[in-house]
């Protein structure tokens, strides 16, 4: 009798194991699927894009934007950037497995199918346009859509694998968020947001070229003609310094145009001084430490620079007689 009970208990345990095993496997699979969809949006990159979307919202009007407007603008910005990033991974699915930093993405990792990624990316992109138009305004929706189209078509499909200027020209896509944030509040584009666009535009090349210097073997293996791969390290060092100088000049231009005040000027000079100093360090001694220092600082730099604008705005009022431009959609 005891032997029979023991055999029954073993059989029960086996049966329960058969029943429980799929359940134990389903949880990590479901969790992994959700994580993969999140990974397609590249949330780390989006976090910086949202910062440079948010701060211009506080510069665009006399009063701080309402929490609901901020929420809808941030949501639309997240959907737009996430959709563009997902479509980018669909297009680059044939080379992402070559590079260490991209081979663990859902597609090269074999955890998702191409049609899933494309559908997800296009769905987010369409949803972002509808949501921004419905909850914010049409100009904001069109600007966000232009960023998606530029990133996918101009940068990813046209320039990335054909030109050493891929990052330079393609960087315009990442410079759209300040325009989106400004338009969400003002429903127009004026001189200051255009300068903010140019700041991000000139920040992009030294930021990405620092990364390319460290990953150039991977870019070469993937057939992506990044500047270090084609022109060599020394030319890239020179271009990083050159663009860092141009970035400094663009950053202080709003002060001399009367659009930002002295607090911003001091902070911008400090931040750009550090940036240029680290670029010169690469020129003088192109070690891995110096290159990584610039790359990591460049991420912090952009966020701090936009925060400096917001802090300056608390104390500085733009003169009413300043020359400006106003670009609106025709009624």
C-alpha atoms as a PDB file:
ATOM      1  CA  UNK A   1       0.000   0.000   0.000  1.00  0.00           C
ATOM      2  CA  UNK A   2       2.802   2.391   0.917  1.00  0.00           C
ATOM      3  CA  UNK A   3       4.611   1.521  -2.318  1.00  0.00           C
ATOM      4  CA  UNK A   4       1.437   2.223  -4.288  1.00  0.00           C
ATOM      5  CA  UNK A   5       0.992   5.597  -2.592  1.00  0.00           C
ATOM      6  CA  UNK A   6       4.609   6.458  -3.307  1.00  0.00           C
ATOM      7  CA  UNK A   7       4.228   5.562  -6.995  1.00  0.00           C
ATOM      8  CA  UNK A   8       1.012   7.588  -7.148  1.00  0.00           C
ATOM      9  CA  UNK A   9       2.790  10.578  -5.598  1.00  0.00           C
ATOM     10  CA  UNK A  10       5.647  10.309  -8.094  1.00  0.00           C
ATOM     11  CA  UNK A  11       3.171  10.059 -10.972  1.00  0.00           C
ATOM     12  CA  UNK A  12       1.297  13.062  -9.626  1.00  0.00           C
ATOM     13  CA  UNK A  13       4.512  15.056  -9.368  1.00  0.00           C
ATOM     14  CA  UNK A  14       5.429  14.075 -12.922  1.00  0.00           C
ATOM     15  CA  UNK A  15       2.016  15.027 -14.195  1.00  0.00           C
ATOM     16  CA  UNK A  16       2.066  18.299 -12.306  1.00  0.00           C
ATOM     17  CA  UNK A  17       5.521  18.941 -13.704  1.00  0.00           C
ATOM     18  CA  UNK A  18       4.177  18.435 -17.212  1.00  0.00           C
ATOM     19  CA  UNK A  19       1.312  20.786 -16.504  1.00  0.00           C
ATOM     20  CA  UNK A  20       3.388  23.411 -14.687  1.00  0.00           C
ATOM     21  CA  UNK A  21       6.374  23.438 -17.035  1.00  0.00           C
ATOM     22  CA  UNK A  22       4.666  25.284 -19.896  1.00  0.00           C
ATOM     23  CA  UNK A  23       3.359  27.834 -17.400  1.00  0.00           C
ATOM     24  CA  UNK A  24       6.866  28.405 -16.097  1.00  0.00           C
ATOM     25  CA  UNK A  25       8.072  28.861 -19.652  1.00  0.00           C
ATOM     26  CA  UNK A  26       5.244  31.169 -20.688  1.00  0.00           C
ATOM     27  CA  UNK A  27       6.033  33.841 -18.118  1.00  0.00           C
ATOM     28  CA  UNK A  28       9.578  34.562 -19.229  1.00  0.00           C
ATOM     29  CA  UNK A  29       8.469  34.341 -22.864  1.00  0.00           C
ATOM     30  CA  UNK A  30       5.700  36.898 -22.357  1.00  0.00           C
ATOM     31  CA  UNK A  31       8.031  39.127 -20.374  1.00  0.00           C
ATOM     32  CA  UNK A  32      10.692  38.785 -23.053  1.00  0.00           C
ATOM     33  CA  UNK A  33       8.223  39.709 -25.816  1.00  0.00           C
ATOM     34  CA  UNK A  34       7.173  42.884 -24.003  1.00  0.00           C
ATOM     35  CA  UNK A  35      10.808  43.768 -23.340  1.00  0.00           C
ATOM     36  CA  UNK A  36      11.636  43.226 -27.004  1.00  0.00           C
ATOM     37  CA  UNK A  37       8.912  45.613 -28.132  1.00  0.00           C
ATOM     38  CA  UNK A  38      10.238  48.196 -25.691  1.00  0.00           C
ATOM     39  CA  UNK A  39      13.782  47.580 -26.953  1.00  0.00           C
ATOM     40  CA  UNK A  40      12.648  48.305 -30.525  1.00  0.00           C
ATOM     41  CA  UNK A  41      11.879  51.890 -29.501  1.00  0.00           C
ATOM     42  CA  UNK A  42      15.449  52.431 -28.156  1.00  0.00           C
ATOM     43  CA  UNK A  43      14.259  53.988 -24.870  1.00  0.00           C
ATOM     44  CA  UNK A  44      17.706  55.245 -23.840  1.00  0.00           C
ATOM     45  CA  UNK A  45      17.955  57.367 -26.962  1.00  0.00           C
ATOM     46  CA  UNK A  46      14.354  58.536 -26.615  1.00  0.00           C
ATOM     47  CA  UNK A  47      14.965  59.795 -23.073  1.00  0.00           C
ATOM     48  CA  UNK A  48      17.423  62.406 -24.375  1.00  0.00           C
ATOM     49  CA  UNK A  49      15.108  63.331 -27.254  1.00  0.00           C
ATOM     50  CA  UNK A  50      12.283  63.945 -24.787  1.00  0.00           C
ATOM     51  CA  UNK A  51      14.483  66.273 -22.728  1.00  0.00           C
ATOM     52  CA  UNK A  52      15.236  68.442 -25.744  1.00  0.00           C
ATOM     53  CA  UNK A  53      11.521  68.372 -26.592  1.00  0.00           C
ATOM     54  CA  UNK A  54      10.366  69.373 -23.124  1.00  0.00           C
ATOM     55  CA  UNK A  55      12.630  72.361 -22.402  1.00  0.00           C
ATOM     56  CA  UNK A  56      11.629  74.360 -25.520  1.00  0.00           C
ATOM     57  CA  UNK A  57       8.019  74.065 -24.353  1.00  0.00           C
ATOM     58  CA  UNK A  58       8.911  76.277 -21.388  1.00  0.00           C
ATOM     59  CA  UNK A  59      10.706  78.771 -23.640  1.00  0.00           C
ATOM     60  CA  UNK A  60       7.916  79.102 -26.198  1.00  0.00           C
ATOM     61  CA  UNK A  61       5.337  80.922 -24.087  1.00  0.00           C
ATOM     62  CA  UNK A  62       5.045  83.508 -21.367  1.00  0.00           C
ATOM     63  CA  UNK A  63       3.697  80.907 -18.972  1.00  0.00           C
ATOM     64  CA  UNK A  64       4.650  77.297 -18.293  1.00  0.00           C
ATOM     65  CA  UNK A  65       2.724  74.770 -20.391  1.00  0.00           C
ATOM     66  CA  UNK A  66      -0.032  72.825 -18.704  1.00  0.00           C
ATOM     67  CA  UNK A  67       0.617  69.260 -17.512  1.00  0.00           C
ATOM     68  CA  UNK A  68      -1.857  67.803 -19.996  1.00  0.00           C
ATOM     69  CA  UNK A  69      -0.151  69.473 -22.956  1.00  0.00           C
ATOM     70  CA  UNK A  70       3.218  68.251 -21.698  1.00  0.00           C
ATOM     71  CA  UNK A  71       1.875  64.707 -21.363  1.00  0.00           C
ATOM     72  CA  UNK A  72       0.395  64.574 -24.872  1.00  0.00           C
ATOM     73  CA  UNK A  73       3.489  66.108 -26.441  1.00  0.00           C
ATOM     74  CA  UNK A  74       5.832  63.721 -24.634  1.00  0.00           C
ATOM     75  CA  UNK A  75       3.636  60.748 -25.540  1.00  0.00           C
ATOM     76  CA  UNK A  76       3.524  61.768 -29.188  1.00  0.00           C
ATOM     77  CA  UNK A  77       7.284  62.327 -29.211  1.00  0.00           C
ATOM     78  CA  UNK A  78       7.871  58.906 -27.705  1.00  0.00           C
ATOM     79  CA  UNK A  79       5.613  57.213 -30.245  1.00  0.00           C
ATOM     80  CA  UNK A  80       7.220  59.049 -33.172  1.00  0.00           C
ATOM     81  CA  UNK A  81      10.802  58.331 -32.119  1.00  0.00           C
ATOM     82  CA  UNK A  82       9.957  54.755 -31.147  1.00  0.00           C
ATOM     83  CA  UNK A  83       8.262  54.101 -34.466  1.00  0.00           C
ATOM     84  CA  UNK A  84      11.196  55.508 -36.429  1.00  0.00           C
ATOM     85  CA  UNK A  85      13.663  53.458 -34.387  1.00  0.00           C
ATOM     86  CA  UNK A  86      11.708  50.257 -34.971  1.00  0.00           C
ATOM     87  CA  UNK A  87      11.524  50.801 -38.743  1.00  0.00           C
ATOM     88  CA  UNK A  88      15.252  51.578 -38.697  1.00  0.00           C
ATOM     89  CA  UNK A  89      15.920  48.169 -37.126  1.00  0.00           C
ATOM     90  CA  UNK A  90      13.739  46.492 -39.745  1.00  0.00           C
ATOM     91  CA  UNK A  91      15.804  48.081 -42.542  1.00  0.00           C
ATOM     92  CA  UNK A  92      19.135  47.319 -40.838  1.00  0.00           C
ATOM     93  CA  UNK A  93      18.241  43.731 -39.967  1.00  0.00           C
ATOM     94  CA  UNK A  94      20.846  42.426 -42.426  1.00  0.00           C
ATOM     95  CA  UNK A  95      23.775  44.194 -40.722  1.00  0.00           C
ATOM     96  CA  UNK A  96      22.769  44.496 -37.061  1.00  0.00           C
ATOM     97  CA  UNK A  97      24.042  40.993 -36.310  1.00  0.00           C
ATOM     98  CA  UNK A  98      27.567  42.078 -37.319  1.00  0.00           C
ATOM     99  CA  UNK A  99      27.981  44.754 -34.649  1.00  0.00           C
ATOM    100  CA  UNK A 100      28.417  43.955 -30.971  1.00  0.00           C
ATOM    101  CA  UNK A 101      26.197  46.822 -29.797  1.00  0.00           C
ATOM    102  CA  UNK A 102      23.302  45.786 -32.080  1.00  0.00           C
ATOM    103  CA  UNK A 103      23.501  41.998 -32.346  1.00  0.00           C
ATOM    104  CA  UNK A 104      21.348  41.493 -29.243  1.00  0.00           C
ATOM    105  CA  UNK A 105      18.441  43.448 -30.669  1.00  0.00           C
ATOM    106  CA  UNK A 106      15.180  41.490 -31.143  1.00  0.00           C
ATOM    107  CA  UNK A 107      15.648  40.854 -34.890  1.00  0.00           C
ATOM    108  CA  UNK A 108      19.306  39.734 -35.028  1.00  0.00           C
ATOM    109  CA  UNK A 109      18.709  37.898 -31.756  1.00  0.00           C
ATOM    110  CA  UNK A 110      16.013  35.813 -33.482  1.00  0.00           C
ATOM    111  CA  UNK A 111      13.324  36.725 -30.965  1.00  0.00           C
ATOM    112  CA  UNK A 112      11.055  38.547 -33.430  1.00  0.00           C
ATOM    113  CA  UNK A 113      10.098  38.314 -37.086  1.00  0.00           C
ATOM    114  CA  UNK A 114      10.697  41.164 -39.570  1.00  0.00           C
ATOM    115  CA  UNK A 115       6.982  41.659 -40.242  1.00  0.00           C
ATOM    116  CA  UNK A 116       6.358  42.122 -36.513  1.00  0.00           C
ATOM    117  CA  UNK A 117       9.004  44.842 -36.269  1.00  0.00           C
ATOM    118  CA  UNK A 118       7.829  46.655 -39.409  1.00  0.00           C
ATOM    119  CA  UNK A 119       4.170  46.527 -38.364  1.00  0.00           C
ATOM    120  CA  UNK A 120       5.038  47.783 -34.902  1.00  0.00           C
ATOM    121  CA  UNK A 121       7.181  50.636 -36.244  1.00  0.00           C
ATOM    122  CA  UNK A 122       4.670  51.806 -38.830  1.00  0.00           C
ATOM    123  CA  UNK A 123       1.850  51.497 -36.308  1.00  0.00           C
ATOM    124  CA  UNK A 124       3.611  53.688 -33.747  1.00  0.00           C
ATOM    125  CA  UNK A 125       4.482  56.245 -36.429  1.00  0.00           C
ATOM    126  CA  UNK A 126       0.886  56.504 -37.641  1.00  0.00           C
ATOM    127  CA  UNK A 127      -0.432  56.613 -34.091  1.00  0.00           C
ATOM    128  CA  UNK A 128       1.971  59.430 -33.180  1.00  0.00           C
ATOM    129  CA  UNK A 129       0.726  61.601 -36.049  1.00  0.00           C
ATOM    130  CA  UNK A 130      -2.941  61.032 -35.237  1.00  0.00           C
ATOM    131  CA  UNK A 131      -2.413  61.547 -31.517  1.00  0.00           C
ATOM    132  CA  UNK A 132      -0.375  64.747 -31.871  1.00  0.00           C
ATOM    133  CA  UNK A 133      -2.829  66.207 -34.387  1.00  0.00           C
ATOM    134  CA  UNK A 134      -5.810  65.327 -32.214  1.00  0.00           C
ATOM    135  CA  UNK A 135      -4.408  66.379 -28.819  1.00  0.00           C
ATOM    136  CA  UNK A 136      -1.831  69.094 -29.662  1.00  0.00           C
ATOM    137  CA  UNK A 137      -1.934  70.693 -33.122  1.00  0.00           C
ATOM    138  CA  UNK A 138      -1.352  69.881 -36.780  1.00  0.00           C
ATOM    139  CA  UNK A 139       2.015  71.676 -37.008  1.00  0.00           C
ATOM    140  CA  UNK A 140       3.434  69.579 -34.177  1.00  0.00           C
ATOM    141  CA  UNK A 141       2.146  66.392 -35.808  1.00  0.00           C
ATOM    142  CA  UNK A 142       3.668  67.328 -39.176  1.00  0.00           C
ATOM    143  CA  UNK A 143       7.037  68.166 -37.614  1.00  0.00           C
ATOM    144  CA  UNK A 144       7.136  64.828 -35.788  1.00  0.00           C
ATOM    145  CA  UNK A 145       6.183  63.042 -38.996  1.00  0.00           C
ATOM    146  CA  UNK A 146       8.938  64.863 -40.886  1.00  0.00           C
ATOM    147  CA  UNK A 147      11.438  63.583 -38.341  1.00  0.00           C
ATOM    148  CA  UNK A 148      10.254  60.012 -38.905  1.00  0.00           C
ATOM    149  CA  UNK A 149      10.411  60.295 -42.692  1.00  0.00           C
ATOM    150  CA  UNK A 150      13.812  61.983 -42.637  1.00  0.00           C
ATOM    151  CA  UNK A 151      15.316  59.418 -40.272  1.00  0.00           C
ATOM    152  CA  UNK A 152      13.958  56.409 -42.132  1.00  0.00           C
ATOM    153  CA  UNK A 153      14.198  57.562 -45.752  1.00  0.00           C
ATOM    154  CA  UNK A 154      17.015  60.135 -45.893  1.00  0.00           C
ATOM    155  CA  UNK A 155      19.334  58.784 -43.219  1.00  0.00           C
ATOM    156  CA  UNK A 156      18.718  55.029 -42.979  1.00  0.00           C
ATOM    157  CA  UNK A 157      17.807  54.197 -46.573  1.00  0.00           C
ATOM    158  CA  UNK A 158      19.717  56.823 -48.555  1.00  0.00           C
ATOM    159  CA  UNK A 159      22.791  58.007 -46.643  1.00  0.00           C
ATOM    160  CA  UNK A 160      23.811  55.522 -43.978  1.00  0.00           C
ATOM    161  CA  UNK A 161      25.439  52.978 -46.286  1.00  0.00           C
ATOM    162  CA  UNK A 162      26.456  55.376 -49.073  1.00  0.00           C
ATOM    163  CA  UNK A 163      28.135  58.475 -47.647  1.00  0.00           C
ATOM    164  CA  UNK A 164      30.641  59.522 -44.986  1.00  0.00           C
ATOM    165  CA  UNK A 165      28.297  62.475 -44.432  1.00  0.00           C
ATOM    166  CA  UNK A 166      25.566  60.113 -43.228  1.00  0.00           C
ATOM    167  CA  UNK A 167      25.711  61.409 -39.674  1.00  0.00           C
ATOM    168  CA  UNK A 168      26.144  65.058 -40.698  1.00  0.00           C
ATOM    169  CA  UNK A 169      23.166  65.283 -43.049  1.00  0.00           C
ATOM    170  CA  UNK A 170      21.166  62.589 -41.301  1.00  0.00           C
ATOM    171  CA  UNK A 171      21.589  64.389 -37.982  1.00  0.00           C
ATOM    172  CA  UNK A 172      18.761  66.714 -38.977  1.00  0.00           C
ATOM    173  CA  UNK A 173      16.284  63.997 -37.973  1.00  0.00           C
ATOM    174  CA  UNK A 174      17.494  64.046 -34.370  1.00  0.00           C
ATOM    175  CA  UNK A 175      17.314  67.848 -34.339  1.00  0.00           C
ATOM    176  CA  UNK A 176      13.538  67.929 -34.942  1.00  0.00           C
ATOM    177  CA  UNK A 177      12.413  67.456 -31.267  1.00  0.00           C
ATOM    178  CA  UNK A 178      13.087  71.091 -30.194  1.00  0.00           C
ATOM    179  CA  UNK A 179      10.866  72.248 -33.060  1.00  0.00           C
ATOM    180  CA  UNK A 180       8.176  69.794 -31.939  1.00  0.00           C
ATOM    181  CA  UNK A 181       8.254  71.044 -28.353  1.00  0.00           C
ATOM    182  CA  UNK A 182       8.139  74.695 -29.397  1.00  0.00           C
ATOM    183  CA  UNK A 183       5.312  74.192 -31.892  1.00  0.00           C
ATOM    184  CA  UNK A 184       3.255  72.321 -29.305  1.00  0.00           C
ATOM    185  CA  UNK A 185       3.004  75.527 -27.265  1.00  0.00           C
ATOM    186  CA  UNK A 186       3.300  78.336 -29.832  1.00  0.00           C
ATOM    187  CA  UNK A 187       1.775  76.597 -32.875  1.00  0.00           C
ATOM    188  CA  UNK A 188       4.512  78.268 -34.925  1.00  0.00           C
ATOM    189  CA  UNK A 189       8.268  78.165 -35.500  1.00  0.00           C
ATOM    190  CA  UNK A 190      10.395  81.218 -34.719  1.00  0.00           C
ATOM    191  CA  UNK A 191      14.105  82.061 -34.644  1.00  0.00           C
ATOM    192  CA  UNK A 192      15.053  80.504 -31.298  1.00  0.00           C
ATOM    193  CA  UNK A 193      13.760  76.981 -32.043  1.00  0.00           C
ATOM    194  CA  UNK A 194      15.582  77.126 -35.389  1.00  0.00           C
ATOM    195  CA  UNK A 195      18.802  77.841 -33.493  1.00  0.00           C
ATOM    196  CA  UNK A 196      18.003  74.969 -31.103  1.00  0.00           C
ATOM    197  CA  UNK A 197      17.639  72.776 -34.183  1.00  0.00           C
ATOM    198  CA  UNK A 198      21.098  73.892 -35.345  1.00  0.00           C
ATOM    199  CA  UNK A 199      22.622  73.211 -31.927  1.00  0.00           C
ATOM    200  CA  UNK A 200      21.505  69.581 -32.028  1.00  0.00           C
ATOM    201  CA  UNK A 201      22.496  69.369 -35.699  1.00  0.00           C
ATOM    202  CA  UNK A 202      26.095  70.434 -34.982  1.00  0.00           C
ATOM    203  CA  UNK A 203      26.264  68.378 -31.783  1.00  0.00           C
ATOM    204  CA  UNK A 204      25.448  65.153 -33.612  1.00  0.00           C
ATOM    205  CA  UNK A 205      28.661  64.636 -35.679  1.00  0.00           C
ATOM    206  CA  UNK A 206      31.232  64.851 -32.846  1.00  0.00           C
ATOM    207  CA  UNK A 207      28.958  62.755 -30.636  1.00  0.00           C
ATOM    208  CA  UNK A 208      28.596  59.917 -33.168  1.00  0.00           C
ATOM    209  CA  UNK A 209      32.099  60.152 -34.587  1.00  0.00           C
ATOM    210  CA  UNK A 210      33.493  59.518 -31.111  1.00  0.00           C
ATOM    211  CA  UNK A 211      31.436  56.322 -31.018  1.00  0.00           C
ATOM    212  CA  UNK A 212      32.484  55.460 -34.582  1.00  0.00           C
ATOM    213  CA  UNK A 213      36.162  55.755 -33.643  1.00  0.00           C
ATOM    214  CA  UNK A 214      35.667  53.056 -31.031  1.00  0.00           C
ATOM    215  CA  UNK A 215      33.476  50.857 -33.250  1.00  0.00           C
ATOM    216  CA  UNK A 216      35.025  51.399 -36.666  1.00  0.00           C
ATOM    217  CA  UNK A 217      35.949  47.738 -37.179  1.00  0.00           C
ATOM    218  CA  UNK A 218      32.318  46.816 -36.696  1.00  0.00           C
ATOM    219  CA  UNK A 219      31.133  49.561 -39.043  1.00  0.00           C
ATOM    220  CA  UNK A 220      33.652  48.392 -41.634  1.00  0.00           C
ATOM    221  CA  UNK A 221      32.472  44.794 -41.325  1.00  0.00           C
ATOM    222  CA  UNK A 222      28.870  45.953 -41.713  1.00  0.00           C
ATOM    223  CA  UNK A 223      29.728  48.034 -44.789  1.00  0.00           C
ATOM    224  CA  UNK A 224      28.755  51.363 -43.207  1.00  0.00           C
ATOM    225  CA  UNK A 225      31.076  54.144 -44.480  1.00  0.00           C
ATOM    226  CA  UNK A 226      31.496  56.069 -41.269  1.00  0.00           C
ATOM    227  CA  UNK A 227      34.090  58.842 -41.425  1.00  0.00           C
ATOM    228  CA  UNK A 228      36.851  56.949 -39.532  1.00  0.00           C
ATOM    229  CA  UNK A 229      36.412  53.941 -41.816  1.00  0.00           C
ATOM    230  CA  UNK A 230      36.825  55.939 -45.046  1.00  0.00           C
ATOM    231  CA  UNK A 231      38.855  59.042 -44.136  1.00  0.00           C
ATOM    232  CA  UNK A 232      40.879  57.606 -41.253  1.00  0.00           C
ATOM    233  CA  UNK A 233      41.299  58.427 -37.581  1.00  0.00           C
ATOM    234  CA  UNK A 234      43.280  61.643 -37.976  1.00  0.00           C
ATOM    235  CA  UNK A 235      40.749  63.297 -40.269  1.00  0.00           C
ATOM    236  CA  UNK A 236      37.997  62.287 -37.851  1.00  0.00           C
ATOM    237  CA  UNK A 237      39.885  63.872 -34.934  1.00  0.00           C
ATOM    238  CA  UNK A 238      40.167  67.095 -36.931  1.00  0.00           C
ATOM    239  CA  UNK A 239      36.473  67.069 -37.854  1.00  0.00           C
ATOM    240  CA  UNK A 240      35.477  66.516 -34.220  1.00  0.00           C
ATOM    241  CA  UNK A 241      37.436  69.607 -33.169  1.00  0.00           C
ATOM    242  CA  UNK A 242      36.040  71.632 -36.075  1.00  0.00           C
ATOM    243  CA  UNK A 243      32.424  70.756 -35.307  1.00  0.00           C
ATOM    244  CA  UNK A 244      33.006  71.402 -31.603  1.00  0.00           C
ATOM    245  CA  UNK A 245      34.090  74.948 -32.449  1.00  0.00           C
ATOM    246  CA  UNK A 246      31.070  75.435 -34.715  1.00  0.00           C
ATOM    247  CA  UNK A 247      28.852  74.071 -31.943  1.00  0.00           C
ATOM    248  CA  UNK A 248      30.239  76.621 -29.482  1.00  0.00           C
ATOM    249  CA  UNK A 249      29.545  79.497 -31.896  1.00  0.00           C
ATOM    250  CA  UNK A 250      25.993  78.318 -32.560  1.00  0.00           C
ATOM    251  CA  UNK A 251      25.343  77.918 -28.833  1.00  0.00           C
ATOM    252  CA  UNK A 252      26.243  81.510 -27.943  1.00  0.00           C
ATOM    253  CA  UNK A 253      24.484  83.037 -30.963  1.00  0.00           C
ATOM    254  CA  UNK A 254      21.069  83.313 -29.211  1.00  0.00           C
ATOM    255  CA  UNK A 255      22.601  85.569 -26.551  1.00  0.00           C
ATOM    256  CA  UNK A 256      23.888  88.092 -29.075  1.00  0.00           C
ATOM    257  CA  UNK A 257      20.519  87.997 -30.822  1.00  0.00           C
ATOM    258  CA  UNK A 258      18.810  88.846 -27.530  1.00  0.00           C
ATOM    259  CA  UNK A 259      16.905  85.551 -27.385  1.00  0.00           C
ATOM    260  CA  UNK A 260      18.657  84.213 -24.279  1.00  0.00           C
ATOM    261  CA  UNK A 261      20.330  85.981 -21.375  1.00  0.00           C
ATOM    262  CA  UNK A 262      23.624  86.209 -19.463  1.00  0.00           C
ATOM    263  CA  UNK A 263      23.005  83.217 -17.190  1.00  0.00           C
ATOM    264  CA  UNK A 264      22.724  80.960 -20.206  1.00  0.00           C
ATOM    265  CA  UNK A 265      25.823  82.559 -21.743  1.00  0.00           C
ATOM    266  CA  UNK A 266      27.985  81.706 -18.719  1.00  0.00           C
ATOM    267  CA  UNK A 267      26.681  78.142 -18.476  1.00  0.00           C
ATOM    268  CA  UNK A 268      26.953  77.593 -22.240  1.00  0.00           C
ATOM    269  CA  UNK A 269      30.571  78.782 -22.252  1.00  0.00           C
ATOM    270  CA  UNK A 270      31.430  76.395 -19.422  1.00  0.00           C
ATOM    271  CA  UNK A 271      29.690  73.410 -21.014  1.00  0.00           C
ATOM    272  CA  UNK A 272      31.119  74.092 -24.464  1.00  0.00           C
ATOM    273  CA  UNK A 273      34.557  74.778 -23.015  1.00  0.00           C
ATOM    274  CA  UNK A 274      34.581  71.291 -21.523  1.00  0.00           C
ATOM    275  CA  UNK A 275      33.271  69.826 -24.773  1.00  0.00           C
ATOM    276  CA  UNK A 276      35.913  71.552 -26.892  1.00  0.00           C
ATOM    277  CA  UNK A 277      38.630  70.684 -24.390  1.00  0.00           C
ATOM    278  CA  UNK A 278      37.800  66.999 -24.627  1.00  0.00           C
ATOM    279  CA  UNK A 279      37.717  67.208 -28.409  1.00  0.00           C
ATOM    280  CA  UNK A 280      41.204  68.760 -28.368  1.00  0.00           C
ATOM    281  CA  UNK A 281      42.364  65.989 -26.022  1.00  0.00           C
ATOM    282  CA  UNK A 282      41.390  63.501 -28.730  1.00  0.00           C
ATOM    283  CA  UNK A 283      43.359  65.513 -31.291  1.00  0.00           C
ATOM    284  CA  UNK A 284      46.445  65.618 -29.074  1.00  0.00           C
ATOM    285  CA  UNK A 285      46.279  62.104 -27.632  1.00  0.00           C
ATOM    286  CA  UNK A 286      43.679  59.896 -29.360  1.00  0.00           C
ATOM    287  CA  UNK A 287      43.420  57.278 -26.635  1.00  0.00           C
ATOM    288  CA  UNK A 288      40.344  55.191 -25.933  1.00  0.00           C
ATOM    289  CA  UNK A 289      39.904  56.977 -22.604  1.00  0.00           C
ATOM    290  CA  UNK A 290      39.826  60.401 -24.243  1.00  0.00           C
ATOM    291  CA  UNK A 291      37.386  59.261 -26.921  1.00  0.00           C
ATOM    292  CA  UNK A 292      35.011  57.666 -24.407  1.00  0.00           C
ATOM    293  CA  UNK A 293      35.205  60.758 -22.195  1.00  0.00           C
ATOM    294  CA  UNK A 294      33.930  62.928 -25.015  1.00  0.00           C
ATOM    295  CA  UNK A 295      31.226  60.455 -26.032  1.00  0.00           C
ATOM    296  CA  UNK A 296      29.850  60.062 -22.510  1.00  0.00           C
ATOM    297  CA  UNK A 297      30.092  63.777 -21.762  1.00  0.00           C
ATOM    298  CA  UNK A 298      28.301  64.674 -24.994  1.00  0.00           C
ATOM    299  CA  UNK A 299      25.143  62.946 -23.731  1.00  0.00           C
ATOM    300  CA  UNK A 300      25.204  64.869 -20.461  1.00  0.00           C
ATOM    301  CA  UNK A 301      26.218  68.073 -22.231  1.00  0.00           C
ATOM    302  CA  UNK A 302      23.123  68.316 -24.419  1.00  0.00           C
ATOM    303  CA  UNK A 303      20.721  67.775 -21.520  1.00  0.00           C
ATOM    304  CA  UNK A 304      22.550  70.322 -19.340  1.00  0.00           C
ATOM    305  CA  UNK A 305      22.672  72.886 -22.141  1.00  0.00           C
ATOM    306  CA  UNK A 306      18.894  72.765 -22.584  1.00  0.00           C
ATOM    307  CA  UNK A 307      18.397  72.890 -18.829  1.00  0.00           C
ATOM    308  CA  UNK A 308      20.582  76.008 -18.801  1.00  0.00           C
ATOM    309  CA  UNK A 309      18.178  77.620 -21.272  1.00  0.00           C
ATOM    310  CA  UNK A 310      15.242  76.814 -19.020  1.00  0.00           C
ATOM    311  CA  UNK A 311      17.021  78.218 -15.949  1.00  0.00           C
ATOM    312  CA  UNK A 312      17.957  81.388 -17.831  1.00  0.00           C
ATOM    313  CA  UNK A 313      14.331  81.805 -18.926  1.00  0.00           C
ATOM    314  CA  UNK A 314      13.296  82.192 -15.283  1.00  0.00           C
ATOM    315  CA  UNK A 315      15.241  85.442 -14.993  1.00  0.00           C
ATOM    316  CA  UNK A 316      15.566  86.806 -18.527  1.00  0.00           C
ATOM    317  CA  UNK A 317      12.815  88.360 -20.611  1.00  0.00           C
ATOM    318  CA  UNK A 318      13.252  88.697 -24.345  1.00  0.00           C
ATOM    319  CA  UNK A 319      12.889  92.374 -25.386  1.00  0.00           C
ATOM    320  CA  UNK A 320       9.650  93.089 -27.209  1.00  0.00           C
ATOM    321  CA  UNK A 321      11.415  94.847 -30.065  1.00  0.00           C
ATOM    322  CA  UNK A 322      13.661  91.915 -30.975  1.00  0.00           C
ATOM    323  CA  UNK A 323      13.776  90.947 -34.623  1.00  0.00           C
ATOM    324  CA  UNK A 324      12.178  87.536 -35.056  1.00  0.00           C
ATOM    325  CA  UNK A 325      10.515  85.314 -37.626  1.00  0.00           C
ATOM    326  CA  UNK A 326       7.195  83.525 -37.331  1.00  0.00           C
ATOM    327  CA  UNK A 327       6.427  80.490 -39.471  1.00  0.00           C
ATOM    328  CA  UNK A 328       2.872  79.166 -39.259  1.00  0.00           C
ATOM    329  CA  UNK A 329       0.721  76.810 -41.240  1.00  0.00           C
ATOM    330  CA  UNK A 330      -1.640  78.625 -43.615  1.00  0.00           C
ATOM    331  CA  UNK A 331      -5.178  78.638 -42.304  1.00  0.00           C
END
